[in-house]
Protein backbone atom coordinates (compact mmCIF):
# COMPACT_ATOMS: atom_id res chain seq x y z
CA MET A 1 132.87 89.62 59.39
CA ALA A 2 129.22 90.66 59.47
CA GLU A 3 126.50 88.11 60.14
CA PRO A 4 124.75 86.94 56.94
CA VAL A 5 121.40 88.52 56.15
CA LEU A 6 118.60 86.05 56.72
CA PRO A 7 115.58 85.41 54.49
CA PRO A 8 112.31 86.43 56.19
CA SER A 9 111.19 82.78 56.43
CA THR A 10 114.10 81.96 58.74
CA ARG A 11 112.46 83.97 61.51
CA SER A 12 108.87 83.12 60.61
CA ALA A 13 106.03 83.56 63.09
CA PRO A 14 105.20 79.81 63.31
CA ALA A 15 108.84 78.96 63.99
CA SER A 16 109.28 81.63 66.67
CA PHE A 17 105.93 80.84 68.34
CA GLY A 18 106.58 77.09 68.28
CA GLY A 19 110.09 77.46 69.63
CA GLY A 20 108.84 79.71 72.40
CA ALA A 21 106.04 77.30 73.33
CA ILE A 22 108.33 74.26 73.57
CA ILE A 23 110.93 76.07 75.66
CA GLY A 24 108.25 77.73 77.79
CA THR A 25 106.82 74.30 78.59
CA LEU A 26 110.21 73.11 79.81
CA GLY A 27 110.62 76.28 81.88
CA GLY A 28 107.19 76.03 83.51
CA LEU A 29 107.66 72.34 84.22
CA ILE A 30 111.06 72.53 85.89
CA GLY A 31 111.06 76.08 87.30
CA LEU A 32 113.52 77.59 84.82
CA GLY A 33 113.36 80.51 82.42
CA GLY A 34 114.11 78.05 79.60
CA ALA A 35 116.84 80.35 78.34
CA GLU A 36 119.51 77.63 78.31
CA PHE A 37 117.61 75.98 75.47
CA ARG A 38 116.45 79.18 73.79
CA LEU A 39 119.94 80.67 73.51
CA PRO A 40 121.34 77.99 71.15
CA LEU A 41 118.11 78.30 69.13
CA LEU A 42 118.52 82.07 68.77
CA ILE A 43 122.15 81.66 67.69
CA GLY A 44 122.04 78.45 65.65
CA VAL A 45 118.59 78.58 64.03
CA PHE A 46 117.56 82.24 64.01
CA ARG A 47 121.17 83.41 63.49
CA PHE A 48 121.38 86.27 65.97
CA ALA A 49 124.87 87.46 66.93
CA ALA A 50 126.04 86.33 70.38
CA LEU A 51 125.32 89.50 72.39
CA GLU A 52 122.07 90.16 70.52
CA ALA A 53 120.96 86.60 71.28
CA VAL A 54 121.76 87.10 74.97
CA ILE A 55 119.67 90.30 75.10
CA MET A 56 116.75 88.69 73.21
CA ASN A 57 117.06 85.71 75.53
CA LYS A 58 116.93 87.91 78.60
CA ALA A 59 113.75 89.63 77.41
CA MET A 60 111.93 86.35 76.76
CA SER A 61 113.23 84.78 79.98
CA LEU A 62 111.56 87.62 81.87
CA VAL A 63 108.24 86.69 80.23
CA VAL A 64 108.65 83.01 81.06
CA VAL A 65 109.60 83.59 84.70
CA ALA A 66 106.85 86.15 85.30
CA SER A 67 104.20 83.82 83.86
CA ALA A 68 105.56 80.58 85.34
CA LEU A 69 105.15 81.73 88.96
CA PRO A 70 101.33 82.12 88.84
CA PHE A 71 100.90 79.01 86.64
CA ARG A 72 102.77 76.94 89.27
CA ALA A 73 100.70 78.42 92.12
CA ALA A 74 98.21 75.53 92.13
CA THR A 75 101.03 73.22 93.22
CA VAL A 76 103.23 75.73 95.10
CA PRO A 77 101.02 78.53 96.53
CA PHE A 78 102.35 82.08 96.90
CA ALA A 79 101.85 81.79 100.67
CA MET A 80 104.40 78.96 100.77
CA ILE A 81 106.89 81.11 98.85
CA ALA A 82 106.27 84.03 101.24
CA GLU A 83 107.10 81.80 104.22
CA HIS A 84 110.63 81.49 102.83
CA TRP A 85 111.19 85.20 102.13
CA ALA A 86 114.46 85.20 104.12
CA VAL A 87 115.97 82.63 101.73
CA VAL A 88 114.94 84.70 98.71
CA VAL A 89 116.44 87.88 100.22
CA ASN A 90 119.63 86.03 101.13
CA LEU A 91 120.26 84.91 97.54
CA LEU A 92 119.15 88.25 96.08
CA ALA A 93 121.77 90.05 98.19
CA GLY A 94 124.41 88.46 95.97
CA SER A 95 122.59 87.82 92.71
CA LEU A 96 121.57 91.44 92.05
CA LEU A 97 125.18 92.59 92.26
CA GLY A 98 126.36 89.63 90.21
CA ALA A 99 123.79 90.36 87.50
CA TRP A 100 125.05 93.94 87.12
CA PHE A 101 128.70 92.90 86.85
CA GLY A 102 127.92 89.97 84.54
CA ALA A 103 126.06 92.16 82.07
CA GLY A 104 128.91 94.66 82.11
CA TRP A 105 131.43 91.95 81.26
CA ALA A 106 129.26 90.50 78.50
CA VAL A 107 129.02 93.75 76.53
CA ARG A 108 132.84 94.06 76.56
CA LEU A 109 133.59 90.54 75.32
CA LYS A 110 134.31 89.89 71.65
CA SER A 111 131.69 87.77 69.87
CA ASP A 112 134.04 84.79 69.41
CA THR A 113 134.95 84.86 73.10
CA LEU A 114 131.32 85.13 74.15
CA TYR A 115 130.42 82.11 71.99
CA LYS A 116 133.11 80.09 73.80
CA VAL A 117 131.97 81.28 77.23
CA ILE A 118 128.37 80.37 76.37
CA SER A 119 129.42 76.88 75.20
CA ILE A 120 131.39 76.11 78.36
CA MET A 121 128.59 77.35 80.60
CA LEU A 122 126.03 75.22 78.74
CA VAL A 123 128.14 72.13 79.46
CA VAL A 124 128.43 73.06 83.15
CA ILE A 125 124.69 73.73 83.34
CA ALA A 126 123.94 70.32 81.78
CA ALA A 127 125.94 68.63 84.54
CA VAL A 128 124.38 70.72 87.32
CA LEU A 129 120.88 70.19 85.90
CA VAL A 130 121.20 66.40 86.17
CA LEU A 131 123.17 66.13 89.41
CA GLY A 132 121.49 69.00 91.25
CA HIS A 133 117.90 68.03 90.47
CA GLU A 134 118.50 64.51 91.71
CA ALA A 135 119.25 65.80 95.19
CA SER A 136 116.42 65.22 97.65
CA ALA A 137 115.21 67.74 100.19
CA GLY A 138 116.50 67.38 103.72
CA GLN A 139 118.50 69.23 106.30
CA PRO A 140 120.30 72.38 105.08
CA LEU A 141 123.99 71.95 104.37
CA LEU A 142 124.89 75.00 106.50
CA VAL A 143 123.15 77.05 109.17
CA GLY A 144 123.39 80.48 110.77
CA THR A 145 125.85 83.14 109.63
CA VAL A 146 127.85 80.70 107.51
CA GLN A 147 124.71 79.83 105.54
CA VAL A 148 123.94 83.52 104.95
CA VAL A 149 127.46 84.23 103.68
CA ALA A 150 127.40 81.12 101.46
CA GLY A 151 124.01 82.22 100.10
CA ILE A 152 125.35 85.66 99.15
CA VAL A 153 128.43 84.19 97.44
CA ALA A 154 126.33 81.61 95.58
CA GLY A 155 123.83 84.31 94.58
CA PHE A 156 126.61 86.52 93.19
CA ALA A 157 128.01 83.69 91.04
CA ILE A 158 124.53 82.76 89.79
CA GLY A 159 123.77 86.42 88.98
CA VAL A 160 126.94 86.65 86.88
CA VAL A 161 126.08 83.48 84.93
CA ALA A 162 122.47 84.63 84.47
CA SER A 163 123.56 87.93 82.91
CA LEU A 164 126.31 86.45 80.73
CA LEU A 165 123.88 83.98 79.14
CA GLY A 166 120.65 85.95 79.45
CA VAL A 167 119.22 83.11 81.54
CA ALA A 168 117.04 83.00 84.65
CA GLY A 169 119.63 80.97 86.55
CA GLY A 170 117.17 78.38 87.86
CA GLU A 171 119.39 75.44 86.86
CA LEU A 172 121.91 76.74 89.42
CA LEU A 173 119.46 78.23 91.92
CA ILE A 174 117.43 75.04 92.34
CA PRO A 175 120.38 72.85 93.42
CA THR A 176 121.54 75.69 95.71
CA LEU A 177 118.11 75.92 97.34
CA VAL A 178 117.87 72.15 97.77
CA LEU A 179 121.40 71.57 99.07
CA LEU A 180 122.22 74.77 100.96
CA PHE A 181 118.76 75.52 102.39
CA GLY A 182 117.16 72.04 102.41
CA ALA A 183 114.16 73.11 100.28
CA ASP A 184 111.74 70.64 98.69
CA ILE A 185 112.40 70.25 94.96
CA LYS A 186 109.04 71.71 93.86
CA LEU A 187 109.28 74.58 96.33
CA ALA A 188 112.85 75.20 95.14
CA GLY A 189 111.56 75.59 91.58
CA SER A 190 109.18 78.39 92.59
CA LEU A 191 111.66 80.05 94.96
CA SER A 192 114.20 80.11 92.12
CA LEU A 193 111.69 81.99 89.96
CA ALA A 194 111.15 84.52 92.77
CA VAL A 195 114.92 85.13 92.91
CA SER A 196 115.36 85.09 89.13
CA LEU A 197 112.83 87.80 88.30
CA PRO A 198 114.51 90.77 90.07
CA THR A 199 117.96 89.41 89.16
CA MET A 200 117.10 89.43 85.46
CA LEU A 201 115.57 92.90 85.71
CA VAL A 202 118.90 94.24 87.00
CA GLY A 203 120.85 92.56 84.17
CA PHE A 204 118.29 93.80 81.66
CA THR A 205 118.68 97.36 82.93
CA ARG A 206 122.46 97.12 82.52
CA TYR A 207 122.15 95.79 78.97
CA SER A 208 119.85 98.71 78.06
CA ARG A 209 122.91 100.99 78.20
CA ASP A 210 124.61 99.13 75.32
CA GLN A 211 123.88 99.83 71.64
CA SER A 212 123.13 96.14 71.03
CA PHE A 213 119.95 96.65 73.08
CA SER A 214 118.39 98.06 69.89
CA VAL A 215 118.01 94.45 68.67
CA LEU A 216 114.72 94.36 70.61
CA GLY A 217 113.27 97.21 68.59
CA ARG A 218 114.48 95.82 65.25
CA ASN A 219 112.93 92.42 65.97
CA LYS A 220 109.78 93.52 67.77
CA VAL A 221 107.39 91.16 65.94
CA PHE A 222 109.71 88.18 66.43
CA LEU A 223 110.08 89.01 70.11
CA ILE A 224 106.33 89.36 70.72
CA THR A 225 105.55 86.15 68.81
CA MET A 226 108.10 84.05 70.67
CA ALA A 227 107.07 85.61 73.99
CA ALA A 228 103.43 84.69 73.27
CA GLY A 229 104.48 81.13 72.55
CA SER A 230 106.46 81.12 75.79
CA VAL A 231 103.41 82.11 77.85
CA VAL A 232 101.39 79.30 76.26
CA GLY A 233 104.26 76.95 77.04
CA THR A 234 104.58 77.97 80.69
CA PHE A 235 100.84 77.37 81.13
CA ILE A 236 101.25 73.84 79.74
CA GLY A 237 104.35 73.28 81.86
CA GLY A 238 102.45 74.34 84.99
CA LEU A 239 99.74 71.77 84.20
CA LEU A 240 102.37 69.07 83.71
CA LEU A 241 104.14 69.87 86.98
CA GLY A 242 104.22 66.72 89.08
CA ILE A 243 103.14 64.46 86.19
CA VAL A 244 106.33 64.16 84.16
CA PRO A 245 109.09 62.50 86.23
CA ASN A 246 112.41 64.33 86.45
CA ALA A 247 114.21 61.00 86.09
CA LEU A 248 113.09 60.84 82.44
CA LEU A 249 113.06 64.52 81.57
CA LEU A 250 116.37 65.80 82.93
CA PRO A 251 118.76 63.45 81.06
CA LEU A 252 117.05 64.42 77.80
CA LEU A 253 117.42 68.13 78.57
CA ALA A 254 121.08 67.64 79.48
CA ALA A 255 121.69 65.89 76.16
CA ILE A 256 120.07 68.80 74.29
CA LEU A 257 122.32 71.25 76.16
CA LEU A 258 125.46 69.30 75.27
CA VAL A 259 124.57 69.21 71.56
CA SER A 260 123.71 72.91 71.69
CA ALA A 261 127.04 73.70 73.40
CA TRP A 262 128.94 71.97 70.59
CA LYS A 263 127.01 73.87 67.91
CA VAL A 264 127.50 77.23 69.62
CA TRP A 265 131.24 76.48 70.07
CA GLN A 266 131.58 75.92 66.30
CA HIS A 267 129.52 79.01 65.43
CA LYS A 268 131.28 81.59 63.28
């Protein structure tokens, strides 16, 4: 059955800009693309079909990640990120391949199946977001060749999830960077953005081969408006970095994800 036609007000400029700003703030603050929260909004409020929502989500996640890195630079300088280039390359070795495969699987799934996959992943992400962010920096879990192999495997899995949901993957990358590589939590947030950007570009390129990619052209004004709101949000999030405690923020975000997962699961 075709998706119902929406009145123009449903995708109004104030609503798209405001939604983008709120989610962009969360992304800039934590080091995520914010897509986990944007995806249920695109499906439940703006009524995009599952695959179209994933593609729209991917486009706006790219904007958030690209703008969040420089806005976080006052707290985590680019030189500090460059010092850990080997970690970024290690994870990219798996995530780029995972992103390509994940996007290929997504375009072949039926809408109902994709809704269910999205719902389950949102629940998993909610758990990882709370448990993973509470981990403190310390000694890496593994070292040497074993660490490199584990990094590639973890990167592949994260790349698949990122493409299936149209997300940046930071909610999985940050715990991986903290636990596997012993990175500081704030540094992990910026390193995750450095890994996410090329990973999302690969998934985005794969999606461009599917006919659903035309949703970007049909909703150009909506896309630009929400992207503009996202940039404003990431700027605010960068300013708030280090002020808002994770102990208060993360449980709230997890609760939002769980509610969103239930709504997406019931979506028809």
